[in-house]
N, C-alpha and C. Protein backbone atom coordinates (compact mmCIF):
# COMPACT_ATOMS: atom_id res chain seq x y z
N MET A 1 0.84 -1.18 0.00
CA MET A 1 0.00 0.00 0.00
C MET A 1 0.89 1.25 0.00
N LYS A 2 0.44 2.28 -0.70
CA LYS A 2 1.23 3.50 -0.79
C LYS A 2 0.63 4.59 0.08
N GLN A 3 1.48 5.50 0.50
CA GLN A 3 1.12 6.60 1.39
C GLN A 3 1.48 7.92 0.73
N PHE A 4 0.61 8.92 0.86
CA PHE A 4 0.90 10.26 0.36
C PHE A 4 1.68 11.01 1.44
N ILE A 5 2.83 11.52 1.10
CA ILE A 5 3.68 12.23 2.05
C ILE A 5 4.14 13.54 1.44
N VAL A 6 4.04 14.61 2.23
CA VAL A 6 4.59 15.89 1.84
C VAL A 6 5.92 16.03 2.58
N VAL A 7 6.98 16.31 1.83
CA VAL A 7 8.31 16.49 2.42
C VAL A 7 8.70 17.95 2.22
N ALA A 8 8.92 18.64 3.33
CA ALA A 8 9.35 20.04 3.29
C ALA A 8 10.72 20.12 3.95
N TYR A 9 11.56 20.98 3.41
CA TYR A 9 12.91 21.06 3.95
C TYR A 9 13.41 22.49 4.03
N ASP A 10 14.32 22.71 4.96
CA ASP A 10 15.04 23.97 5.10
C ASP A 10 16.49 23.58 5.34
N ILE A 11 17.29 23.67 4.30
CA ILE A 11 18.69 23.26 4.36
C ILE A 11 19.56 24.50 4.22
N SER A 12 20.44 24.72 5.18
CA SER A 12 21.21 25.97 5.23
C SER A 12 22.36 26.05 4.23
N ASP A 13 22.86 24.92 3.80
CA ASP A 13 24.02 24.88 2.90
C ASP A 13 23.59 24.55 1.48
N ASP A 14 24.04 25.33 0.51
CA ASP A 14 23.65 25.13 -0.90
C ASP A 14 24.01 23.73 -1.40
N ARG A 15 25.18 23.27 -1.08
CA ARG A 15 25.64 21.95 -1.56
C ARG A 15 24.77 20.82 -0.99
N ARG A 16 24.49 20.89 0.31
CA ARG A 16 23.62 19.87 0.92
C ARG A 16 22.21 19.97 0.36
N ARG A 17 21.73 21.19 0.14
CA ARG A 17 20.39 21.40 -0.41
C ARG A 17 20.28 20.75 -1.79
N GLN A 18 21.29 20.91 -2.62
CA GLN A 18 21.28 20.29 -3.95
C GLN A 18 21.24 18.76 -3.84
N LYS A 19 21.94 18.21 -2.88
CA LYS A 19 21.93 16.76 -2.68
C LYS A 19 20.55 16.28 -2.23
N VAL A 20 19.92 17.05 -1.35
CA VAL A 20 18.57 16.72 -0.88
C VAL A 20 17.60 16.72 -2.06
N VAL A 21 17.67 17.74 -2.89
CA VAL A 21 16.78 17.83 -4.06
C VAL A 21 17.01 16.65 -5.00
N LYS A 22 18.27 16.28 -5.24
CA LYS A 22 18.57 15.15 -6.12
C LYS A 22 17.94 13.86 -5.60
N ILE A 23 17.89 13.70 -4.30
CA ILE A 23 17.24 12.52 -3.73
C ILE A 23 15.73 12.61 -3.90
N LEU A 24 15.16 13.75 -3.55
CA LEU A 24 13.70 13.88 -3.55
C LEU A 24 13.08 13.81 -4.93
N VAL A 25 13.77 14.26 -5.96
CA VAL A 25 13.19 14.17 -7.31
C VAL A 25 12.99 12.71 -7.73
N ASN A 26 13.68 11.78 -7.09
CA ASN A 26 13.50 10.36 -7.37
C ASN A 26 12.28 9.77 -6.67
N TYR A 27 11.71 10.52 -5.74
CA TYR A 27 10.60 10.00 -4.94
C TYR A 27 9.29 10.75 -5.10
N GLY A 28 9.34 11.96 -5.64
CA GLY A 28 8.10 12.72 -5.73
C GLY A 28 8.15 13.86 -6.70
N VAL A 29 7.14 14.71 -6.62
CA VAL A 29 6.98 15.86 -7.50
C VAL A 29 7.18 17.13 -6.69
N ARG A 30 8.00 18.01 -7.21
CA ARG A 30 8.24 19.27 -6.52
C ARG A 30 7.01 20.16 -6.68
N SER A 31 6.39 20.53 -5.56
CA SER A 31 5.19 21.35 -5.61
C SER A 31 5.46 22.79 -5.18
N ASN A 32 6.61 23.03 -4.62
CA ASN A 32 7.05 24.35 -4.21
C ASN A 32 8.57 24.29 -4.11
N TYR A 33 9.20 25.43 -3.93
CA TYR A 33 10.66 25.45 -3.94
C TYR A 33 11.27 24.44 -2.98
N SER A 34 10.74 24.34 -1.79
CA SER A 34 11.30 23.41 -0.81
C SER A 34 10.27 22.39 -0.32
N VAL A 35 9.37 22.00 -1.21
CA VAL A 35 8.31 21.05 -0.86
C VAL A 35 8.13 20.03 -1.98
N PHE A 36 8.10 18.76 -1.60
CA PHE A 36 7.83 17.68 -2.55
C PHE A 36 6.62 16.90 -2.08
N GLU A 37 5.80 16.45 -3.03
CA GLU A 37 4.68 15.58 -2.75
C GLU A 37 5.04 14.20 -3.28
N CYS A 38 4.90 13.19 -2.43
CA CYS A 38 5.33 11.84 -2.79
C CYS A 38 4.21 10.84 -2.49
N VAL A 39 4.11 9.82 -3.32
CA VAL A 39 3.23 8.67 -3.07
C VAL A 39 4.14 7.46 -3.06
N LEU A 40 4.35 6.90 -1.85
CA LEU A 40 5.40 5.90 -1.67
C LEU A 40 4.95 4.71 -0.84
N THR A 41 5.61 3.60 -1.05
CA THR A 41 5.43 2.44 -0.19
C THR A 41 6.22 2.68 1.10
N GLU A 42 5.97 1.87 2.10
CA GLU A 42 6.71 1.99 3.36
C GLU A 42 8.21 1.79 3.14
N THR A 43 8.57 0.85 2.28
CA THR A 43 9.97 0.60 1.98
C THR A 43 10.61 1.82 1.32
N GLN A 44 9.90 2.43 0.37
CA GLN A 44 10.42 3.62 -0.30
C GLN A 44 10.59 4.78 0.69
N VAL A 45 9.63 4.93 1.60
CA VAL A 45 9.73 5.99 2.61
C VAL A 45 10.97 5.78 3.45
N ASN A 46 11.16 4.57 3.92
CA ASN A 46 12.33 4.28 4.77
C ASN A 46 13.64 4.50 4.04
N THR A 47 13.70 4.09 2.78
CA THR A 47 14.91 4.29 1.98
C THR A 47 15.18 5.78 1.79
N MET A 48 14.14 6.54 1.43
CA MET A 48 14.29 7.98 1.23
C MET A 48 14.77 8.66 2.52
N LYS A 49 14.15 8.33 3.64
CA LYS A 49 14.54 8.93 4.91
C LYS A 49 15.99 8.60 5.27
N ASN A 50 16.38 7.35 5.06
CA ASN A 50 17.76 6.96 5.36
C ASN A 50 18.75 7.72 4.50
N ARG A 51 18.43 7.89 3.23
CA ARG A 51 19.32 8.64 2.33
C ARG A 51 19.42 10.10 2.77
N LEU A 52 18.30 10.69 3.14
CA LEU A 52 18.31 12.10 3.57
C LEU A 52 19.06 12.29 4.89
N GLU A 53 18.89 11.35 5.81
CA GLU A 53 19.55 11.46 7.11
C GLU A 53 21.07 11.47 6.99
N LYS A 54 21.60 10.87 5.95
CA LYS A 54 23.05 10.86 5.74
C LYS A 54 23.58 12.22 5.30
N ILE A 55 22.71 13.08 4.81
CA ILE A 55 23.11 14.38 4.28
C ILE A 55 22.77 15.53 5.23
N VAL A 56 21.63 15.46 5.86
CA VAL A 56 21.11 16.55 6.68
C VAL A 56 21.94 16.73 7.95
N GLU A 57 22.27 17.97 8.25
CA GLU A 57 22.96 18.33 9.49
C GLU A 57 21.89 18.71 10.52
N SER A 58 21.77 17.91 11.56
CA SER A 58 20.67 18.10 12.52
C SER A 58 20.72 19.43 13.27
N LYS A 59 21.88 20.04 13.38
CA LYS A 59 21.98 21.31 14.12
C LYS A 59 21.59 22.52 13.28
N SER A 60 21.62 22.40 11.95
CA SER A 60 21.34 23.57 11.13
C SER A 60 20.27 23.35 10.06
N ASP A 61 19.88 22.12 9.81
CA ASP A 61 18.91 21.80 8.77
C ASP A 61 17.64 21.21 9.37
N CYS A 62 16.59 21.18 8.54
CA CYS A 62 15.33 20.59 8.99
C CYS A 62 14.63 19.95 7.80
N VAL A 63 14.15 18.72 7.99
CA VAL A 63 13.31 18.05 7.01
C VAL A 63 12.05 17.61 7.75
N LEU A 64 10.89 17.97 7.19
CA LEU A 64 9.61 17.63 7.80
C LEU A 64 8.85 16.67 6.89
N TYR A 65 8.20 15.67 7.48
CA TYR A 65 7.40 14.69 6.75
C TYR A 65 5.96 14.80 7.23
N TYR A 66 5.04 15.07 6.32
CA TYR A 66 3.62 15.15 6.63
C TYR A 66 2.92 13.99 5.92
N TYR A 67 2.35 13.07 6.68
CA TYR A 67 1.64 11.93 6.13
C TYR A 67 0.16 12.29 6.04
N LEU A 68 -0.39 12.22 4.82
CA LEU A 68 -1.78 12.59 4.62
C LEU A 68 -2.61 11.38 4.20
N CYS A 69 -3.79 11.28 4.77
CA CYS A 69 -4.70 10.20 4.38
C CYS A 69 -5.36 10.56 3.05
N LYS A 70 -6.01 9.58 2.43
CA LYS A 70 -6.61 9.78 1.12
C LYS A 70 -7.65 10.90 1.15
N SER A 71 -8.48 10.96 2.18
CA SER A 71 -9.51 12.00 2.24
C SER A 71 -8.90 13.39 2.43
N CYS A 72 -7.75 13.48 3.06
CA CYS A 72 -7.07 14.77 3.21
C CYS A 72 -6.43 15.22 1.90
N VAL A 73 -5.89 14.28 1.16
CA VAL A 73 -5.21 14.60 -0.10
C VAL A 73 -6.19 15.23 -1.08
N VAL A 74 -7.38 14.68 -1.18
CA VAL A 74 -8.35 15.22 -2.14
C VAL A 74 -8.89 16.58 -1.72
N LYS A 75 -8.71 16.95 -0.47
CA LYS A 75 -9.17 18.25 0.02
C LYS A 75 -8.12 19.35 -0.13
N ARG A 76 -6.93 19.01 -0.55
CA ARG A 76 -5.88 20.03 -0.64
C ARG A 76 -6.25 21.06 -1.69
N GLU A 77 -5.84 22.27 -1.45
CA GLU A 77 -6.16 23.38 -2.33
C GLU A 77 -4.89 24.16 -2.65
N SER A 78 -4.93 24.89 -3.74
CA SER A 78 -3.81 25.75 -4.06
C SER A 78 -4.33 27.02 -4.73
N VAL A 79 -3.55 28.05 -4.63
CA VAL A 79 -3.84 29.31 -5.29
C VAL A 79 -2.61 29.67 -6.09
N GLY A 80 -2.79 30.08 -7.33
CA GLY A 80 -1.63 30.44 -8.14
C GLY A 80 -1.29 29.38 -9.15
N ARG A 81 -0.04 29.36 -9.52
CA ARG A 81 0.42 28.48 -10.59
C ARG A 81 0.29 27.01 -10.24
N VAL A 82 0.22 26.20 -11.27
CA VAL A 82 0.15 24.74 -11.12
C VAL A 82 1.56 24.24 -10.88
N CYS A 83 1.68 23.05 -10.28
CA CYS A 83 3.00 22.44 -10.09
C CYS A 83 3.76 22.45 -11.39
N LYS A 84 5.07 22.49 -11.29
CA LYS A 84 5.94 22.61 -12.47
C LYS A 84 5.59 21.65 -13.58
N ASP A 85 5.32 20.40 -13.27
CA ASP A 85 5.05 19.45 -14.34
C ASP A 85 3.56 19.28 -14.60
N GLY A 86 2.72 19.92 -13.79
CA GLY A 86 1.28 19.91 -14.02
C GLY A 86 0.60 18.58 -13.73
N THR A 87 1.28 17.63 -13.11
CA THR A 87 0.69 16.33 -12.87
C THR A 87 -0.23 16.35 -11.66
N GLU A 88 -1.21 15.48 -11.70
CA GLU A 88 -2.09 15.29 -10.58
C GLU A 88 -1.61 14.07 -9.81
N VAL A 89 -1.90 14.02 -8.53
CA VAL A 89 -1.52 12.88 -7.72
C VAL A 89 -2.46 11.72 -8.02
N VAL A 90 -1.90 10.57 -8.29
CA VAL A 90 -2.69 9.37 -8.51
C VAL A 90 -2.57 8.50 -7.28
N TRP A 91 -3.68 8.21 -6.65
CA TRP A 91 -3.66 7.39 -5.44
C TRP A 91 -3.67 5.94 -5.82
N VAL A 92 -2.70 5.18 -5.29
CA VAL A 92 -2.60 3.76 -5.61
C VAL A 92 -2.93 2.94 -4.40
């Protein structure tokens, strides 16, 4: 079963930030400059988190994971431009 997760980050170092983005583009869709929306299995979530933990500096960086249920995902709203690639989330 897959889970919808919003990953938001605040990384203080440009080099580490680029590494974080390179990881996250493999797991989800960038919906804002520092926000990715992902639909992942538990194994994929664990792998992604482990990869990010190796890069993130706990004293100066922050990565937040928001797990949303199916009924919450369909209620999400936005104002302004569409996500960069214009894709809709497909719930699996």
